[in-house]
Amino acid sequence: MRLISGRNNPEFSFGSIAETDEGIGKQVLEIWNGRVESLRDKFSILRTVVLVKSLDLSEFMAFETDTAMYPPDRYKWAKNERGNLEGFDIASGEHRFIWQRHGSQFTIIETVPQKKLCFRVKKPKKLSQESVLKTVGFNKSWIQVV
């Protein structure tokens, strides 16, 4: 699951951007970690809640996870074929992050847990125009043609 955390711009946050992929990745994680740390100063428990919706908005999945800080020295960074920076966990080789310089978008790749809430919403039958107008007590005097 790709969770877009928003804008992480090292040039804005640090006044300049590092020259190496590793340096940029470290700056991106420092921005994220700084945000998490400032929130943890105010809230002892910090969770991220994810809601996944089907395209027709009839099926949903929800889960929550601890909002983690990521030690920069645990990840290696390299550009992909699109020129975006990807972060990988050094110990496991797992792909964990994507940072797009254009737009400064930082994406965290999160595993969907086995234990999650899944639910379906039945689509209601279509209401007729007449029944809606009757329900709201429509009166022709509401409309004036001028």
N, C-alpha and C. Protein backbone atom coordinates (compact mmCIF):
# COMPACT_ATOMS: atom_id res chain seq x y z
N MET A 1 0.85 -1.15 0.00
CA MET A 1 0.00 0.00 0.00
C MET A 1 0.91 1.23 0.00
N ARG A 2 0.66 2.17 -0.89
CA ARG A 2 1.45 3.40 -0.95
C ARG A 2 0.69 4.51 -0.23
N LEU A 3 1.31 5.05 0.81
CA LEU A 3 0.72 6.13 1.59
C LEU A 3 1.47 7.42 1.27
N ILE A 4 0.77 8.35 0.68
CA ILE A 4 1.41 9.62 0.32
C ILE A 4 1.36 10.52 1.54
N SER A 5 2.54 10.88 2.01
CA SER A 5 2.61 11.68 3.24
C SER A 5 2.58 13.18 2.94
N GLY A 6 2.75 13.55 1.72
CA GLY A 6 2.72 14.97 1.37
C GLY A 6 4.07 15.48 0.94
N ARG A 7 4.22 16.76 1.01
CA ARG A 7 5.41 17.42 0.50
C ARG A 7 6.57 17.34 1.49
N ASN A 8 7.67 16.87 1.01
CA ASN A 8 8.93 16.85 1.77
C ASN A 8 9.98 17.47 0.86
N ASN A 9 10.29 18.74 1.08
CA ASN A 9 11.19 19.46 0.20
C ASN A 9 12.46 19.86 0.94
N PRO A 10 13.56 19.15 0.72
CA PRO A 10 14.81 19.50 1.41
C PRO A 10 15.28 20.93 1.13
N GLU A 11 15.07 21.42 -0.08
CA GLU A 11 15.49 22.79 -0.39
C GLU A 11 14.75 23.80 0.48
N PHE A 12 13.47 23.56 0.70
CA PHE A 12 12.68 24.45 1.54
C PHE A 12 13.06 24.27 3.01
N SER A 13 13.18 23.02 3.46
CA SER A 13 13.42 22.74 4.88
C SER A 13 14.85 23.04 5.32
N PHE A 14 15.84 22.78 4.44
CA PHE A 14 17.24 22.92 4.83
C PHE A 14 17.97 24.04 4.10
N GLY A 15 17.31 24.67 3.14
CA GLY A 15 17.94 25.75 2.39
C GLY A 15 18.73 25.26 1.19
N SER A 16 19.00 23.97 1.12
CA SER A 16 19.67 23.38 -0.03
C SER A 16 19.37 21.88 -0.04
N ILE A 17 19.67 21.28 -1.18
CA ILE A 17 19.44 19.84 -1.30
C ILE A 17 20.81 19.15 -1.38
N ALA A 18 20.91 17.99 -0.76
CA ALA A 18 22.16 17.24 -0.76
C ALA A 18 22.55 16.87 -2.19
N GLU A 19 23.81 16.57 -2.38
CA GLU A 19 24.30 16.27 -3.73
C GLU A 19 24.21 14.80 -4.10
N THR A 20 24.08 13.91 -3.11
CA THR A 20 24.03 12.48 -3.40
C THR A 20 22.63 11.94 -3.11
N ASP A 21 22.31 10.80 -3.73
CA ASP A 21 21.03 10.15 -3.47
C ASP A 21 20.88 9.83 -1.99
N GLU A 22 21.96 9.32 -1.38
CA GLU A 22 21.93 8.99 0.05
C GLU A 22 21.67 10.23 0.89
N GLY A 23 22.31 11.33 0.53
CA GLY A 23 22.12 12.58 1.27
C GLY A 23 20.71 13.11 1.16
N ILE A 24 20.14 13.05 -0.05
CA ILE A 24 18.76 13.50 -0.25
C ILE A 24 17.81 12.62 0.54
N GLY A 25 18.00 11.29 0.46
CA GLY A 25 17.15 10.37 1.21
C GLY A 25 17.18 10.66 2.70
N LYS A 26 18.38 10.93 3.21
CA LYS A 26 18.52 11.27 4.63
C LYS A 26 17.74 12.54 4.95
N GLN A 27 17.83 13.56 4.09
CA GLN A 27 17.09 14.80 4.32
C GLN A 27 15.58 14.56 4.31
N VAL A 28 15.11 13.76 3.36
CA VAL A 28 13.67 13.47 3.26
C VAL A 28 13.19 12.79 4.55
N LEU A 29 13.95 11.81 5.04
CA LEU A 29 13.55 11.14 6.28
C LEU A 29 13.65 12.07 7.48
N GLU A 30 14.62 12.97 7.49
CA GLU A 30 14.73 13.93 8.59
C GLU A 30 13.51 14.85 8.64
N ILE A 31 12.98 15.23 7.47
CA ILE A 31 11.76 16.04 7.44
C ILE A 31 10.60 15.25 8.03
N TRP A 32 10.42 14.02 7.56
CA TRP A 32 9.34 13.16 8.07
C TRP A 32 9.49 12.96 9.59
N ASN A 33 10.68 12.57 10.02
CA ASN A 33 10.91 12.30 11.43
C ASN A 33 10.67 13.54 12.29
N GLY A 34 11.04 14.70 11.78
CA GLY A 34 10.79 15.94 12.51
C GLY A 34 9.31 16.19 12.71
N ARG A 35 8.53 15.91 11.69
CA ARG A 35 7.07 16.08 11.81
C ARG A 35 6.49 15.11 12.83
N VAL A 36 6.93 13.86 12.75
CA VAL A 36 6.42 12.85 13.69
C VAL A 36 6.83 13.22 15.12
N GLU A 37 8.08 13.62 15.29
CA GLU A 37 8.57 13.98 16.62
C GLU A 37 7.78 15.15 17.21
N SER A 38 7.48 16.15 16.39
CA SER A 38 6.72 17.30 16.92
C SER A 38 5.31 16.90 17.31
N LEU A 39 4.72 15.95 16.60
CA LEU A 39 3.39 15.46 16.98
C LEU A 39 3.45 14.60 18.24
N ARG A 40 4.50 13.82 18.37
CA ARG A 40 4.64 12.97 19.56
C ARG A 40 4.91 13.79 20.82
N ASP A 41 5.42 15.01 20.64
CA ASP A 41 5.56 15.90 21.79
C ASP A 41 4.21 16.27 22.37
N LYS A 42 3.18 16.28 21.52
CA LYS A 42 1.83 16.67 21.94
C LYS A 42 0.93 15.47 22.25
N PHE A 43 1.18 14.35 21.56
CA PHE A 43 0.32 13.18 21.71
C PHE A 43 1.18 11.94 21.97
N SER A 44 0.90 11.25 23.07
CA SER A 44 1.73 10.09 23.43
C SER A 44 1.50 8.92 22.48
N ILE A 45 0.30 8.81 21.97
CA ILE A 45 -0.02 7.73 21.02
C ILE A 45 -0.31 8.39 19.68
N LEU A 46 0.40 7.96 18.66
CA LEU A 46 0.24 8.54 17.33
C LEU A 46 0.06 7.41 16.33
N ARG A 47 -1.12 7.35 15.73
CA ARG A 47 -1.46 6.28 14.80
C ARG A 47 -1.84 6.88 13.45
N THR A 48 -1.61 6.10 12.40
CA THR A 48 -2.05 6.46 11.06
C THR A 48 -3.20 5.55 10.71
N VAL A 49 -4.32 6.13 10.31
CA VAL A 49 -5.49 5.36 9.92
C VAL A 49 -5.61 5.44 8.40
N VAL A 50 -5.77 4.28 7.77
CA VAL A 50 -5.83 4.19 6.31
C VAL A 50 -7.19 3.65 5.92
N LEU A 51 -7.86 4.34 5.00
CA LEU A 51 -9.13 3.88 4.44
C LEU A 51 -8.93 3.68 2.95
N VAL A 52 -9.18 2.45 2.50
CA VAL A 52 -9.05 2.10 1.09
C VAL A 52 -10.45 1.90 0.54
N LYS A 53 -10.75 2.56 -0.59
CA LYS A 53 -12.08 2.50 -1.17
C LYS A 53 -12.02 1.88 -2.56
N SER A 54 -13.03 1.07 -2.89
CA SER A 54 -13.13 0.56 -4.25
C SER A 54 -13.54 1.70 -5.18
N LEU A 55 -13.32 1.52 -6.46
CA LEU A 55 -13.64 2.59 -7.42
C LEU A 55 -15.11 2.97 -7.41
N ASP A 56 -15.99 2.00 -7.18
CA ASP A 56 -17.42 2.30 -7.17
C ASP A 56 -17.94 2.67 -5.77
N LEU A 57 -17.02 2.81 -4.82
CA LEU A 57 -17.33 3.22 -3.44
C LEU A 57 -18.32 2.28 -2.75
N SER A 58 -18.24 0.99 -3.09
CA SER A 58 -19.13 0.03 -2.44
C SER A 58 -18.38 -0.86 -1.44
N GLU A 59 -17.06 -1.00 -1.60
CA GLU A 59 -16.27 -1.82 -0.70
C GLU A 59 -15.15 -1.00 -0.10
N PHE A 60 -14.89 -1.27 1.19
CA PHE A 60 -13.90 -0.50 1.93
C PHE A 60 -13.03 -1.43 2.77
N MET A 61 -11.83 -0.95 3.04
CA MET A 61 -10.91 -1.64 3.94
C MET A 61 -10.27 -0.56 4.80
N ALA A 62 -10.17 -0.80 6.08
CA ALA A 62 -9.56 0.17 6.98
C ALA A 62 -8.60 -0.55 7.92
N PHE A 63 -7.48 0.11 8.18
CA PHE A 63 -6.54 -0.40 9.16
C PHE A 63 -5.78 0.77 9.75
N GLU A 64 -5.15 0.52 10.87
CA GLU A 64 -4.32 1.55 11.48
C GLU A 64 -2.97 0.96 11.83
N THR A 65 -2.01 1.85 11.87
CA THR A 65 -0.64 1.44 12.15
C THR A 65 0.04 2.53 12.97
N ASP A 66 1.06 2.16 13.68
CA ASP A 66 1.83 3.13 14.44
C ASP A 66 2.48 4.10 13.46
N THR A 67 2.44 5.39 13.76
CA THR A 67 3.12 6.38 12.94
C THR A 67 4.58 6.38 13.35
N ALA A 68 5.40 5.77 12.52
CA ALA A 68 6.79 5.49 12.88
C ALA A 68 7.75 6.58 12.44
N MET A 69 8.86 6.63 13.13
CA MET A 69 10.01 7.41 12.69
C MET A 69 10.96 6.42 12.03
N TYR A 70 11.70 6.87 11.04
CA TYR A 70 12.58 6.00 10.27
C TYR A 70 14.02 6.46 10.42
N PRO A 71 14.86 5.69 11.13
CA PRO A 71 16.28 6.07 11.28
C PRO A 71 16.96 6.09 9.90
N PRO A 72 17.48 7.23 9.46
CA PRO A 72 18.05 7.35 8.11
C PRO A 72 19.16 6.34 7.81
N ASP A 73 19.90 5.90 8.82
CA ASP A 73 21.02 4.98 8.56
C ASP A 73 20.56 3.55 8.28
N ARG A 74 19.26 3.28 8.36
CA ARG A 74 18.73 1.94 8.07
C ARG A 74 18.32 1.77 6.61
N TYR A 75 18.46 2.83 5.80
CA TYR A 75 17.94 2.80 4.43
C TYR A 75 18.99 3.23 3.43
N LYS A 76 18.95 2.61 2.25
CA LYS A 76 19.81 3.03 1.15
C LYS A 76 18.90 3.58 0.05
N TRP A 77 19.42 4.50 -0.71
CA TRP A 77 18.63 5.24 -1.69
C TRP A 77 19.25 5.16 -3.07
N ALA A 78 18.39 5.07 -4.08
CA ALA A 78 18.85 5.06 -5.48
C ALA A 78 17.73 5.56 -6.37
N LYS A 79 18.11 6.18 -7.47
CA LYS A 79 17.11 6.67 -8.43
C LYS A 79 16.58 5.50 -9.26
N ASN A 80 15.28 5.55 -9.57
CA ASN A 80 14.69 4.54 -10.44
C ASN A 80 14.70 5.05 -11.88
N GLU A 81 14.10 4.29 -12.78
CA GLU A 81 14.12 4.65 -14.21
C GLU A 81 13.38 5.95 -14.50
N ARG A 82 12.50 6.38 -13.63
CA ARG A 82 11.77 7.65 -13.81
C ARG A 82 12.47 8.83 -13.16
N GLY A 83 13.60 8.57 -12.52
CA GLY A 83 14.34 9.63 -11.86
C GLY A 83 13.86 9.92 -10.45
N ASN A 84 12.93 9.10 -9.95
CA ASN A 84 12.46 9.25 -8.57
C ASN A 84 13.42 8.51 -7.65
N LEU A 85 13.50 8.98 -6.44
CA LEU A 85 14.40 8.37 -5.46
C LEU A 85 13.64 7.30 -4.68
N GLU A 86 14.22 6.11 -4.59
CA GLU A 86 13.59 5.01 -3.86
C GLU A 86 14.46 4.63 -2.67
N GLY A 87 13.81 4.39 -1.54
CA GLY A 87 14.50 3.99 -0.33
C GLY A 87 14.24 2.53 -0.02
N PHE A 88 15.30 1.80 0.34
CA PHE A 88 15.21 0.38 0.64
C PHE A 88 15.79 0.10 2.01
N ASP A 89 15.12 -0.77 2.77
CA ASP A 89 15.62 -1.20 4.06
C ASP A 89 16.91 -1.99 3.82
N ILE A 90 17.99 -1.59 4.44
CA ILE A 90 19.29 -2.23 4.22
C ILE A 90 19.27 -3.69 4.67
N ALA A 91 18.66 -3.97 5.82
CA ALA A 91 18.68 -5.33 6.37
C ALA A 91 17.85 -6.31 5.54
N SER A 92 16.66 -5.89 5.10
CA SER A 92 15.77 -6.82 4.40
C SER A 92 15.74 -6.63 2.89
N GLY A 93 16.21 -5.48 2.41
CA GLY A 93 16.13 -5.17 0.98
C GLY A 93 14.74 -4.70 0.56
N GLU A 94 13.84 -4.59 1.53
CA GLU A 94 12.45 -4.22 1.25
C GLU A 94 12.35 -2.77 0.77
N HIS A 95 11.56 -2.57 -0.30
CA HIS A 95 11.30 -1.23 -0.84
C HIS A 95 10.34 -0.51 0.12
N ARG A 96 10.76 0.63 0.68
CA ARG A 96 9.96 1.30 1.72
C ARG A 96 9.48 2.70 1.35
N PHE A 97 10.21 3.42 0.47
CA PHE A 97 9.88 4.82 0.20
C PHE A 97 10.08 5.17 -1.26
N ILE A 98 9.35 6.20 -1.68
CA ILE A 98 9.59 6.84 -2.97
C ILE A 98 9.54 8.34 -2.72
N TRP A 99 10.50 9.06 -3.27
CA TRP A 99 10.47 10.53 -3.19
C TRP A 99 10.58 11.06 -4.60
N GLN A 100 9.62 11.93 -4.96
CA GLN A 100 9.60 12.54 -6.28
C GLN A 100 10.03 13.99 -6.14
N ARG A 101 11.13 14.33 -6.78
CA ARG A 101 11.64 15.69 -6.65
C ARG A 101 10.65 16.72 -7.17
N HIS A 102 10.05 16.45 -8.31
CA HIS A 102 9.06 17.38 -8.86
C HIS A 102 7.78 17.20 -8.04
N GLY A 103 7.46 18.17 -7.25
CA GLY A 103 6.33 18.08 -6.34
C GLY A 103 6.74 17.70 -4.93
N SER A 104 7.96 17.23 -4.77
CA SER A 104 8.50 16.87 -3.45
C SER A 104 7.62 15.88 -2.71
N GLN A 105 6.96 14.99 -3.45
CA GLN A 105 6.05 14.03 -2.83
C GLN A 105 6.81 12.87 -2.21
N PHE A 106 6.52 12.60 -0.95
CA PHE A 106 7.14 11.50 -0.21
C PHE A 106 6.08 10.43 0.01
N THR A 107 6.38 9.22 -0.43
CA THR A 107 5.45 8.11 -0.31
C THR A 107 6.09 7.02 0.55
N ILE A 108 5.31 6.53 1.51
CA ILE A 108 5.74 5.43 2.37
C ILE A 108 5.02 4.18 1.90
N ILE A 109 5.77 3.12 1.69
CA ILE A 109 5.17 1.85 1.26
C ILE A 109 4.92 1.01 2.51
N GLU A 110 3.65 0.77 2.77
CA GLU A 110 3.22 0.10 4.00
C GLU A 110 2.58 -1.24 3.64
N THR A 111 2.86 -2.27 4.41
CA THR A 111 2.23 -3.57 4.21
C THR A 111 0.84 -3.54 4.82
N VAL A 112 -0.15 -4.01 4.05
CA VAL A 112 -1.51 -4.10 4.58
C VAL A 112 -1.54 -5.26 5.56
N PRO A 113 -1.95 -5.01 6.80
CA PRO A 113 -1.94 -6.08 7.80
C PRO A 113 -3.01 -7.14 7.54
N GLN A 114 -2.75 -8.35 8.03
CA GLN A 114 -3.75 -9.43 7.92
C GLN A 114 -5.03 -9.04 8.65
N LYS A 115 -4.86 -8.38 9.79
CA LYS A 115 -6.02 -8.00 10.59
C LYS A 115 -6.43 -6.58 10.20
N LYS A 116 -7.53 -6.49 9.49
CA LYS A 116 -8.04 -5.21 9.01
C LYS A 116 -9.56 -5.28 8.96
N LEU A 117 -10.19 -4.16 8.90
CA LEU A 117 -11.64 -4.10 8.82
C LEU A 117 -12.04 -4.00 7.36
N CYS A 118 -12.84 -4.93 6.90
CA CYS A 118 -13.36 -4.91 5.54
C CYS A 118 -14.88 -4.84 5.62
N PHE A 119 -15.46 -3.96 4.81
CA PHE A 119 -16.92 -3.88 4.81
C PHE A 119 -17.42 -3.44 3.45
N ARG A 120 -18.67 -3.76 3.21
CA ARG A 120 -19.33 -3.46 1.94
C ARG A 120 -20.58 -2.64 2.25
N VAL A 121 -20.85 -1.67 1.42
CA VAL A 121 -22.05 -0.85 1.56
C VAL A 121 -22.96 -1.18 0.38
N LYS A 122 -24.17 -1.60 0.69
CA LYS A 122 -25.13 -1.89 -0.39
C LYS A 122 -25.57 -0.58 -1.01
N LYS A 123 -25.64 -0.58 -2.33
CA LYS A 123 -26.12 0.62 -3.01
C LYS A 123 -27.63 0.69 -2.82
N PRO A 124 -28.12 1.84 -2.40
CA PRO A 124 -29.58 1.96 -2.23
C PRO A 124 -30.26 1.99 -3.60
N LYS A 125 -31.51 1.61 -3.61
CA LYS A 125 -32.23 1.69 -4.88
C LYS A 125 -32.43 3.17 -5.23
N LYS A 126 -32.53 3.43 -6.49
CA LYS A 126 -32.65 4.80 -6.97
C LYS A 126 -34.02 5.36 -6.57
N LEU A 127 -34.00 6.59 -6.07
CA LEU A 127 -35.24 7.24 -5.68
C LEU A 127 -35.83 7.97 -6.89
N SER A 128 -37.13 7.94 -6.97
CA SER A 128 -37.78 8.67 -8.06
C SER A 128 -37.83 10.16 -7.71
N GLN A 129 -37.87 10.98 -8.73
CA GLN A 129 -37.95 12.42 -8.53
C GLN A 129 -39.20 12.78 -7.74
N GLU A 130 -40.29 12.12 -8.05
CA GLU A 130 -41.56 12.41 -7.37
C GLU A 130 -41.47 12.11 -5.87
N SER A 131 -40.85 10.99 -5.51
CA SER A 131 -40.78 10.64 -4.08
C SER A 131 -39.87 11.61 -3.32
N VAL A 132 -38.78 12.08 -3.94
CA VAL A 132 -37.90 13.04 -3.29
C VAL A 132 -38.64 14.36 -3.08
N LEU A 133 -39.32 14.84 -4.11
CA LEU A 133 -40.05 16.10 -3.99
C LEU A 133 -41.16 16.01 -2.93
N LYS A 134 -41.82 14.88 -2.87
CA LYS A 134 -42.88 14.68 -1.87
C LYS A 134 -42.28 14.67 -0.47
N THR A 135 -41.14 13.98 -0.30
CA THR A 135 -40.48 13.87 1.00
C THR A 135 -40.05 15.23 1.53
N VAL A 136 -39.53 16.10 0.68
CA VAL A 136 -39.09 17.42 1.13
C VAL A 136 -40.24 18.42 1.18
N GLY A 137 -41.45 17.97 0.81
CA GLY A 137 -42.61 18.85 0.88
C GLY A 137 -42.59 19.95 -0.19
N PHE A 138 -42.10 19.62 -1.36
CA PHE A 138 -41.97 20.61 -2.43
C PHE A 138 -43.32 21.23 -2.76
N ASN A 139 -43.26 22.54 -2.99
CA ASN A 139 -44.43 23.30 -3.37
C ASN A 139 -44.04 24.15 -4.58
N LYS A 140 -44.92 24.21 -5.61
CA LYS A 140 -44.61 24.97 -6.82
C LYS A 140 -44.37 26.45 -6.54
N SER A 141 -44.83 26.92 -5.41
CA SER A 141 -44.62 28.34 -5.07
C SER A 141 -43.16 28.66 -4.76
N TRP A 142 -42.33 27.62 -4.60
CA TRP A 142 -40.91 27.83 -4.33
C TRP A 142 -40.18 28.42 -5.54
N ILE A 143 -40.77 28.29 -6.72
CA ILE A 143 -40.11 28.72 -7.95
C ILE A 143 -40.86 29.90 -8.54
N GLN A 144 -40.13 30.93 -8.92
CA GLN A 144 -40.71 32.10 -9.58
C GLN A 144 -39.99 32.30 -10.89
N VAL A 145 -40.72 32.39 -11.97
CA VAL A 145 -40.13 32.70 -13.27
C VAL A 145 -40.25 34.20 -13.46
N VAL A 146 -39.11 34.86 -13.66
CA VAL A 146 -39.12 36.33 -13.80
C VAL A 146 -38.64 36.76 -15.17
